Protein backbone atom coordinates (compact mmCIF):
# COMPACT_ATOMS: atom_id res chain seq x y z
CA MET A 1 -32.51 -22.76 -18.35
CA ILE A 2 -34.50 -20.51 -16.03
CA PHE A 3 -37.16 -20.17 -18.64
CA SER A 4 -37.69 -23.82 -18.78
CA TRP A 5 -38.18 -23.99 -15.04
CA PHE A 6 -40.95 -21.41 -15.15
CA SER A 7 -42.53 -23.01 -18.18
CA VAL A 8 -42.59 -26.37 -16.32
CA ILE A 9 -44.08 -24.84 -13.29
CA TRP A 10 -46.71 -22.97 -15.37
CA LYS A 11 -47.75 -25.92 -17.21
CA ARG A 12 -47.99 -28.12 -14.20
CA LEU A 13 -50.27 -25.51 -12.42
CA THR A 14 -52.44 -24.70 -15.42
CA ALA A 15 -52.81 -28.18 -17.03
CA GLY A 16 -54.42 -29.97 -14.13
CA ASP A 17 -53.31 -33.34 -15.36
CA SER A 18 -50.27 -35.33 -14.33
CA VAL A 19 -48.41 -35.44 -17.65
CA VAL A 20 -47.62 -32.43 -19.77
CA TRP A 21 -46.46 -32.90 -23.31
CA ARG A 22 -43.73 -30.66 -24.93
CA GLN A 23 -43.20 -30.27 -28.61
CA GLU A 24 -39.56 -30.96 -29.62
CA SER A 25 -37.71 -29.53 -32.50
CA LEU A 26 -38.30 -32.48 -34.91
CA GLY A 27 -41.96 -32.65 -34.40
CA ARG A 28 -41.87 -35.26 -31.69
CA GLN A 29 -43.68 -34.87 -28.49
CA ARG A 30 -42.24 -35.87 -25.14
CA PRO A 31 -43.72 -35.88 -21.72
CA GLU A 32 -42.44 -33.18 -19.39
CA LEU A 33 -40.59 -34.55 -16.36
CA PRO A 34 -42.34 -34.27 -13.08
CA LEU A 35 -41.65 -31.00 -11.17
CA ALA A 36 -39.42 -32.60 -8.53
CA THR A 37 -37.17 -34.11 -11.24
CA ALA A 38 -36.97 -30.78 -13.12
CA PHE A 39 -35.70 -29.10 -9.99
CA SER A 40 -33.23 -31.90 -9.25
CA ARG A 41 -31.68 -31.31 -12.82
CA THR A 42 -31.04 -27.71 -11.83
CA ALA A 43 -28.93 -28.70 -8.78
CA GLY A 44 -25.92 -29.09 -10.92
CA MET A 45 -26.38 -25.66 -12.43
CA THR A 46 -26.72 -24.14 -9.06
CA LEU A 47 -23.42 -25.72 -7.94
CA ILE A 48 -21.68 -24.24 -11.04
CA VAL A 49 -23.11 -20.82 -10.19
CA VAL A 50 -22.08 -21.11 -6.55
CA VAL A 51 -18.52 -22.12 -7.44
CA PHE A 52 -18.29 -19.28 -9.98
CA PHE A 53 -19.56 -16.90 -7.45
CA LEU A 54 -16.91 -18.06 -4.86
CA ILE A 55 -14.16 -17.78 -7.35
CA VAL A 56 -15.22 -14.15 -8.22
CA MET A 57 -15.48 -13.23 -4.55
CA GLY A 58 -12.12 -14.79 -3.80
CA GLY A 59 -10.54 -12.76 -6.64
CA MET A 60 -12.08 -9.64 -5.44
CA GLY A 61 -10.79 -10.43 -1.89
CA LEU A 62 -7.30 -11.01 -3.25
CA ALA A 63 -7.34 -7.71 -5.16
CA VAL A 64 -8.45 -5.83 -2.03
CA GLY A 65 -5.71 -7.48 0.02
CA ARG A 66 -3.02 -6.64 -2.61
CA ILE A 67 -4.08 -2.92 -2.75
CA SER A 68 -4.06 -2.76 1.05
CA SER A 69 -0.52 -4.25 1.07
CA ASN A 70 0.65 -1.73 -1.59
CA GLN A 71 -0.80 1.16 0.44
CA HIS A 72 0.97 -0.14 3.45
CA GLU A 73 4.32 -0.23 1.70
CA ALA A 74 3.79 3.29 0.36
CA LEU A 75 3.04 4.58 3.88
CA ALA A 76 6.06 2.78 5.32
CA GLY A 77 8.32 4.45 2.59
CA SER A 78 7.03 7.87 3.38
CA THR A 79 7.55 7.25 7.08
CA PHE A 80 11.25 6.18 6.40
CA SER A 81 11.75 9.28 4.30
CA ASN A 82 10.47 11.49 7.01
CA ASP A 83 12.68 9.78 9.54
CA ALA A 84 15.76 10.34 7.22
CA TYR A 85 14.86 14.00 6.84
CA PHE A 86 14.47 14.62 10.63
CA THR A 87 17.65 12.68 11.26
CA ALA A 88 19.59 14.93 8.83
CA ASN A 89 17.99 17.93 10.37
CA ALA A 90 19.17 16.70 13.77
CA GLY A 91 22.59 16.54 12.42
CA ILE A 92 22.55 20.23 11.43
CA GLU A 93 21.12 21.17 14.90
CA TRP A 94 23.79 19.20 16.54
CA ALA A 95 26.50 20.87 14.60
CA VAL A 96 25.09 24.30 15.38
CA GLN A 97 24.80 23.43 19.11
CA THR A 98 28.40 22.01 19.15
CA ALA A 99 29.80 24.97 17.28
CA VAL A 100 28.10 27.49 19.66
CA ALA A 101 28.98 25.54 22.89
CA SER A 102 32.66 25.26 21.74
CA GLY A 103 32.89 28.83 20.46
CA TRP A 104 34.02 27.81 17.04
CA SER A 105 33.74 30.32 14.24
CA SER A 106 36.79 29.70 11.93
CA THR A 107 36.64 27.24 9.14
CA VAL A 108 39.55 25.33 10.68
CA GLN A 109 37.67 24.74 13.87
CA LEU A 110 34.34 23.92 12.06
CA SER A 111 36.07 21.40 9.83
CA SER A 112 36.27 19.17 12.97
CA LEU A 113 32.52 18.63 12.71
CA ARG A 114 33.08 15.87 10.06
CA GLY A 115 32.02 12.40 10.98
CA THR A 116 29.24 9.98 11.50
CA TYR A 117 27.12 10.15 14.60
CA ARG A 118 24.38 7.91 15.98
CA LEU A 119 21.18 9.13 17.57
CA PRO A 120 19.53 7.30 20.56
CA ASN A 121 16.86 5.88 18.32
CA GLY A 122 19.56 4.02 16.23
CA ASN A 123 19.52 6.31 13.21
CA SER A 124 22.67 7.95 12.26
CA PHE A 125 23.74 11.04 10.37
CA SER A 126 27.04 12.03 8.57
CA LEU A 127 28.32 15.53 8.58
CA THR A 128 30.68 17.10 6.17
CA TYR A 129 32.15 20.59 6.16
CA ALA A 130 33.69 22.04 3.02
CA ALA A 131 33.82 25.35 1.30
CA ASP A 132 31.89 26.94 4.27
CA MET A 133 28.94 24.64 3.70
CA LEU A 134 27.77 22.05 6.33
CA THR A 135 26.04 19.10 4.87
CA SER A 136 24.18 16.45 6.93
CA SER A 137 23.04 13.30 5.27
CA ALA A 138 20.97 10.44 6.69
CA SER A 139 19.74 7.13 5.40
CA VAL A 140 16.85 5.20 7.08
CA ASN A 141 15.89 1.89 5.55
CA GLY A 142 16.91 2.97 2.01
CA SER A 143 15.41 6.37 2.20
CA GLN A 144 18.21 8.99 1.88
CA ARG A 145 17.97 12.74 2.74
CA LYS A 146 20.63 15.44 2.60
CA ILE A 147 20.45 18.91 4.09
CA SER A 148 23.05 21.57 3.36
CA PHE A 149 23.69 24.80 5.32
CA LYS A 150 25.50 27.36 3.17
CA ASN A 151 27.77 30.10 4.66
CA PHE A 152 27.85 28.24 7.96
CA SER A 153 30.82 30.22 9.57
CA GLN A 154 29.12 33.56 8.67
CA ARG A 155 25.81 32.56 10.17
CA ILE A 156 27.37 31.00 13.33
CA ALA A 157 29.62 33.96 14.09
CA PRO A 158 26.98 36.47 15.25
CA ILE A 159 25.59 33.72 17.59
CA ILE A 160 28.94 33.19 19.23
CA GLY A 161 29.79 36.82 19.26
CA ALA A 162 32.78 36.54 16.93
CA PRO A 163 33.56 39.32 14.54
């Protein structure tokens, strides 16, 4: 199609006359259309190219938007996982602080650390104490984290001053 545009322009410029004849496949000759008519025939093709270009660009925009959305979801997931970890860690720190402040060193006293507690930011952690192991677990928007503190009574006794 583009080749025919250039051939029409070239023939019009070099011929010098108003009618340029073109040889067709069956041996017939036919006059070339005037230059303005040839370009008006290409307007339909230009429209097709523009529509195709817009569809391709729209698809690329959609793909970039979807990739950006997936990255945002992945970042949010890691943020929730970090929040769950730090909430569980806060549970361990709270249990240590409570045991030290209360002077608890026996397993009977430390077993009262069980329960679910809520932080000021709205997150909550659950504490369990069994077999001298303190476990703090937290869940934030589906992300769950668990931290265990083994030999809790043995590690807390020197801080309290218990034998």
